[in-house]
Structure formats: structure tokens, C-alpha cells
Amino acid sequence: MKSKYDAILLLGLKLNADGTPKHELTLRIETAADCWKKGLAPLIIPCGGQTPDTPVSEAAVMRDALVALGVPESAIHMEDRSLITVENLLNAREMLGKKHPRVLIVTSDYHMLRAKLICRFSAHMRPGGCKARIPREEARQQRRMEPLHTLDYVLGYQTGKFQRPRWYRKLMYEKFGIEDKKVTHANHGQ
């Protein structure tokens, strides 16, 4: 039977300081393993680099957890250079080396809309989605901030296409507390 997707893109999440996954990331990993076991795609690409305050990349932690859940290492291709969602998807697209690949995004429920927008319009892939259901109490702050992150992407600020105006930065970073994450050659691994 032919797989419905070329790959499952498992999007990372910042690790605990000791390099262990947060519960939310564990739920994403379990969801991706279930999708792979159902035969939805022949491979999983765990996406996520190493942040300065963690001892290992998100992708390496996800790979180890996937193997522990019964996914063979040969079905896992790590993308371990990215630090933000835009980079996750651009790097995964490059790894697939195919024009308009069909991918299944696995991420948290509240993050899916932005991930699919980025996948379709910046990485030029055809996305499907499988949401990891995150308990409301665990992601209260993230759910509140996600519409603002989506607006930031739609306005072109997360891709580095446009410079954020001073008033916008002040609003986003001082009023709402969003970190200033930009795609740069330094953190893009180029």
C-alpha cells in the first residue's frame, strides 16, 4: 500500500535544561509514532536544533524517543539545525528534495494553523496535519500567544522578509512578552 504522505514532520519544542522533553513534546512524539505505525508515511523527520542552554538537539531527543516507541532508526531522518518553526519547515523541505512534497505535520493542537500556513506558503509543501492534544492547563500561555505569533508570520516578520516597526516590537515584546526571534544566517546554520 502506498503511503498517503512523503514524510511526517515532527516539530520540536524547547527541551528542559537537562535535555529531557517536556510533556507537551512527549505527546507530539507519541502522536508521530502512531501516525507512522498506521503507515501514513515511510519516514519521520524530527525537526529541532540545539538551543544554547540545552545539552542536545530537540531532534536527537525525539529520535531516541521514537526508537523507544518502536520506530526503526532507518525511518527517521533528523533535521537538527533549526530553532524556529519557519526554519523547521524550510530545512525539512530541503531534505526531502522533492517539488511540492506531501507532508503530515505533527505538532501541538494550538500550533497547527501557523505550522500549516508556513508549510504551504513559505516551504511550498502540501500539508496535512495530526494534532497532539495538549491539556489546556499545560499550555495556557502558549494558547494565548499563538494568535500573535501567527500574526507575526502573516505580516512577514518571522521570515525576515520585513523589519518589525518600533511600535510593533514595543507592543509585542513589552506588552505581550513575545521573544524577538528572527531568522538569521547565524541561527539558520548557513
Protein backbone atom coordinates (compact mmCIF):
# COMPACT_ATOMS: atom_id res chain seq x y z
CA MET A 1 0.00 0.00 0.00
CA LYS A 2 1.31 3.43 -0.96
CA SER A 3 1.71 5.95 1.85
CA LYS A 4 -0.53 8.99 1.82
CA TYR A 5 2.38 11.35 2.67
CA ASP A 6 6.04 11.60 1.70
CA ALA A 7 7.05 12.26 5.31
CA ILE A 8 5.82 13.04 8.79
CA LEU A 9 7.30 16.33 10.03
CA LEU A 10 7.52 16.18 13.81
CA LEU A 11 8.02 19.74 15.04
CA GLY A 12 10.18 20.22 18.10
CA LEU A 13 9.71 22.16 21.30
CA LYS A 14 12.32 23.64 23.63
CA LEU A 15 13.71 20.97 25.94
CA ASN A 16 14.10 21.14 29.69
CA ALA A 17 17.53 22.45 30.77
CA ASP A 18 18.72 18.86 31.44
CA GLY A 19 17.89 17.83 27.85
CA THR A 20 14.72 15.89 28.62
CA PRO A 21 11.50 16.52 26.69
CA LYS A 22 8.62 18.47 28.20
CA HIS A 23 5.33 16.57 28.49
CA GLU A 24 3.96 18.50 25.50
CA LEU A 25 6.85 17.30 23.32
CA THR A 26 6.33 13.73 24.52
CA LEU A 27 2.70 13.95 23.36
CA ARG A 28 3.88 15.16 19.92
CA ILE A 29 6.38 12.29 19.70
CA GLU A 30 3.73 9.68 20.61
CA THR A 31 1.36 11.15 18.00
CA ALA A 32 4.05 10.97 15.30
CA ALA A 33 4.89 7.35 16.19
CA ASP A 34 1.19 6.40 15.98
CA CYS A 35 0.89 8.07 12.54
CA TRP A 36 3.98 6.21 11.30
CA LYS A 37 2.68 2.87 12.63
CA LYS A 38 -0.58 3.47 10.72
CA GLY A 39 1.50 3.67 7.54
CA LEU A 40 0.70 7.30 6.76
CA ALA A 41 4.31 7.99 5.66
CA PRO A 42 7.51 5.97 5.20
CA LEU A 43 9.65 8.29 7.31
CA ILE A 44 9.58 10.76 10.16
CA ILE A 45 11.64 13.95 10.18
CA PRO A 46 12.02 15.22 13.76
CA CYS A 47 12.76 18.96 13.44
CA GLY A 48 14.63 20.99 16.03
CA GLY A 49 18.14 22.15 16.76
CA GLN A 50 20.09 22.60 19.95
CA THR A 51 19.37 25.76 21.91
CA PRO A 52 22.27 27.35 23.81
CA ASP A 53 21.00 26.25 27.22
CA THR A 54 20.43 22.56 26.45
CA PRO A 55 22.99 19.73 26.05
CA VAL A 56 21.40 18.08 22.97
CA SER A 57 19.23 18.92 19.96
CA GLU A 58 15.46 18.54 20.06
CA ALA A 59 15.72 16.26 17.01
CA ALA A 60 18.10 13.85 18.79
CA VAL A 61 15.79 13.59 21.80
CA MET A 62 12.81 12.97 19.53
CA ARG A 63 14.72 10.34 17.53
CA ASP A 64 15.63 8.44 20.70
CA ALA A 65 12.02 8.55 21.94
CA LEU A 66 10.69 7.41 18.55
CA VAL A 67 13.08 4.44 18.54
CA ALA A 68 11.93 3.56 22.08
CA LEU A 69 8.34 3.60 20.74
CA GLY A 70 9.22 1.06 18.02
CA VAL A 71 10.03 3.27 15.02
CA PRO A 72 13.19 1.92 13.34
CA GLU A 73 16.10 4.33 13.14
CA SER A 74 16.19 3.81 9.35
CA ALA A 75 12.75 5.51 9.14
CA ILE A 76 13.99 8.62 10.99
CA HIS A 77 15.86 11.45 9.24
CA MET A 78 16.81 14.22 11.69
CA GLU A 79 16.63 17.93 10.92
CA ASP A 80 18.74 19.33 13.74
CA ARG A 81 19.72 22.84 12.58
CA SER A 82 16.51 24.80 13.14
CA LEU A 83 15.49 26.95 16.07
CA ILE A 84 12.05 28.21 14.99
CA THR A 85 9.07 26.81 13.06
CA VAL A 86 9.94 28.60 9.81
CA GLU A 87 13.42 27.03 9.84
CA ASN A 88 11.96 23.59 10.77
CA LEU A 89 9.87 23.54 7.64
CA LEU A 90 12.35 25.15 5.24
CA ASN A 91 15.09 22.72 6.28
CA ALA A 92 12.75 19.70 6.09
CA ARG A 93 11.69 20.76 2.60
CA GLU A 94 15.34 20.93 1.55
CA MET A 95 15.95 17.44 2.98
CA LEU A 96 13.03 15.96 1.04
CA GLY A 97 14.45 17.29 -2.23
CA LYS A 98 11.12 16.93 -3.98
CA LYS A 99 8.94 19.55 -5.64
CA HIS A 100 5.81 20.18 -3.52
CA PRO A 101 6.07 17.13 -1.26
CA ARG A 102 3.01 15.99 0.63
CA VAL A 103 3.77 16.06 4.35
CA LEU A 104 1.94 15.30 7.57
CA ILE A 105 2.74 17.89 10.23
CA VAL A 106 2.66 16.69 13.82
CA THR A 107 2.62 19.48 16.38
CA SER A 108 0.53 20.74 19.29
CA ASP A 109 -3.12 21.48 18.59
CA TYR A 110 -2.79 25.23 19.22
CA HIS A 111 0.27 25.46 16.88
CA MET A 112 -1.19 23.65 13.85
CA LEU A 113 -2.69 26.63 11.97
CA ARG A 114 0.58 28.58 11.88
CA ALA A 115 2.61 25.47 11.05
CA LYS A 116 0.35 24.69 8.07
CA LEU A 117 0.47 28.30 6.83
CA ILE A 118 4.26 28.30 6.94
CA CYS A 119 4.42 24.86 5.33
CA ARG A 120 2.21 25.84 2.42
CA PHE A 121 3.28 29.42 1.75
CA SER A 122 6.95 29.57 2.79
CA ALA A 123 8.17 25.99 2.35
CA HIS A 124 5.90 25.18 -0.63
CA MET A 125 4.80 21.79 0.64
CA ARG A 126 1.31 20.28 0.67
CA PRO A 127 0.49 19.82 4.36
CA GLY A 128 -1.87 17.60 6.24
CA GLY A 129 -1.98 17.73 10.00
CA CYS A 130 -2.20 15.47 13.00
CA LYS A 131 -2.61 17.40 16.25
CA ALA A 132 -1.15 16.33 19.55
CA ARG A 133 -3.90 17.24 22.01
CA ILE A 134 -2.33 19.25 24.80
CA PRO A 135 -4.22 19.62 28.10
CA ARG A 136 -5.43 23.24 28.43
CA GLU A 137 -3.76 23.81 31.79
CA GLU A 138 -0.36 22.79 30.37
CA ALA A 139 -0.30 25.29 27.52
CA ARG A 140 -2.37 28.22 28.76
CA GLN A 141 0.32 30.83 27.97
CA GLN A 142 1.16 29.30 24.57
CA ARG A 143 -2.53 29.25 23.56
CA ARG A 144 -2.81 32.92 24.48
CA MET A 145 0.31 33.87 22.49
CA GLU A 146 -0.18 31.71 19.37
CA PRO A 147 -2.54 34.14 17.55
CA LEU A 148 0.13 36.83 17.98
CA HIS A 149 2.84 34.53 16.61
CA THR A 150 0.56 33.75 13.65
CA LEU A 151 0.04 37.47 13.01
CA ASP A 152 3.81 37.95 13.21
CA TYR A 153 4.24 35.30 10.49
CA VAL A 154 1.46 36.63 8.25
CA LEU A 155 2.97 40.13 8.40
CA GLY A 156 6.29 38.67 7.23
CA TYR A 157 8.29 39.38 10.36
CA GLN A 158 9.19 35.78 11.28
CA THR A 159 10.60 35.06 7.85
CA GLY A 160 12.93 38.05 7.92
CA LYS A 161 11.17 39.50 4.85
CA PHE A 162 10.30 42.70 6.66
CA GLN A 163 11.73 44.64 9.60
CA ARG A 164 9.36 44.99 12.53
CA PRO A 165 8.44 48.66 13.12
CA ARG A 166 9.48 50.06 16.51
CA TRP A 167 5.85 50.44 17.67
CA TYR A 168 5.12 46.81 16.77
CA ARG A 169 8.19 45.49 18.59
CA LYS A 170 7.28 47.53 21.65
CA LEU A 171 3.72 46.17 21.59
CA MET A 172 4.74 42.55 21.05
CA TYR A 173 7.76 42.39 23.34
CA GLU A 174 6.84 44.69 26.16
CA LYS A 175 3.06 44.34 26.32
CA PHE A 176 2.72 40.68 25.37
CA GLY A 177 6.18 39.35 26.28
CA ILE A 178 6.96 37.64 22.98
CA GLU A 179 10.67 36.93 22.40
CA ASP A 180 12.25 38.58 19.35
CA LYS A 181 13.03 35.53 17.20
CA LYS A 182 14.34 36.27 13.74
CA VAL A 183 15.62 34.02 11.00
CA THR A 184 19.24 34.95 10.51
CA HIS A 185 22.11 33.25 8.76
CA ALA A 186 23.79 32.79 12.15
CA ASN A 187 20.98 30.75 13.69
CA HIS A 188 19.88 29.15 10.40
CA GLY A 189 23.03 27.06 10.21
CA GLN A 190 24.30 28.68 6.99
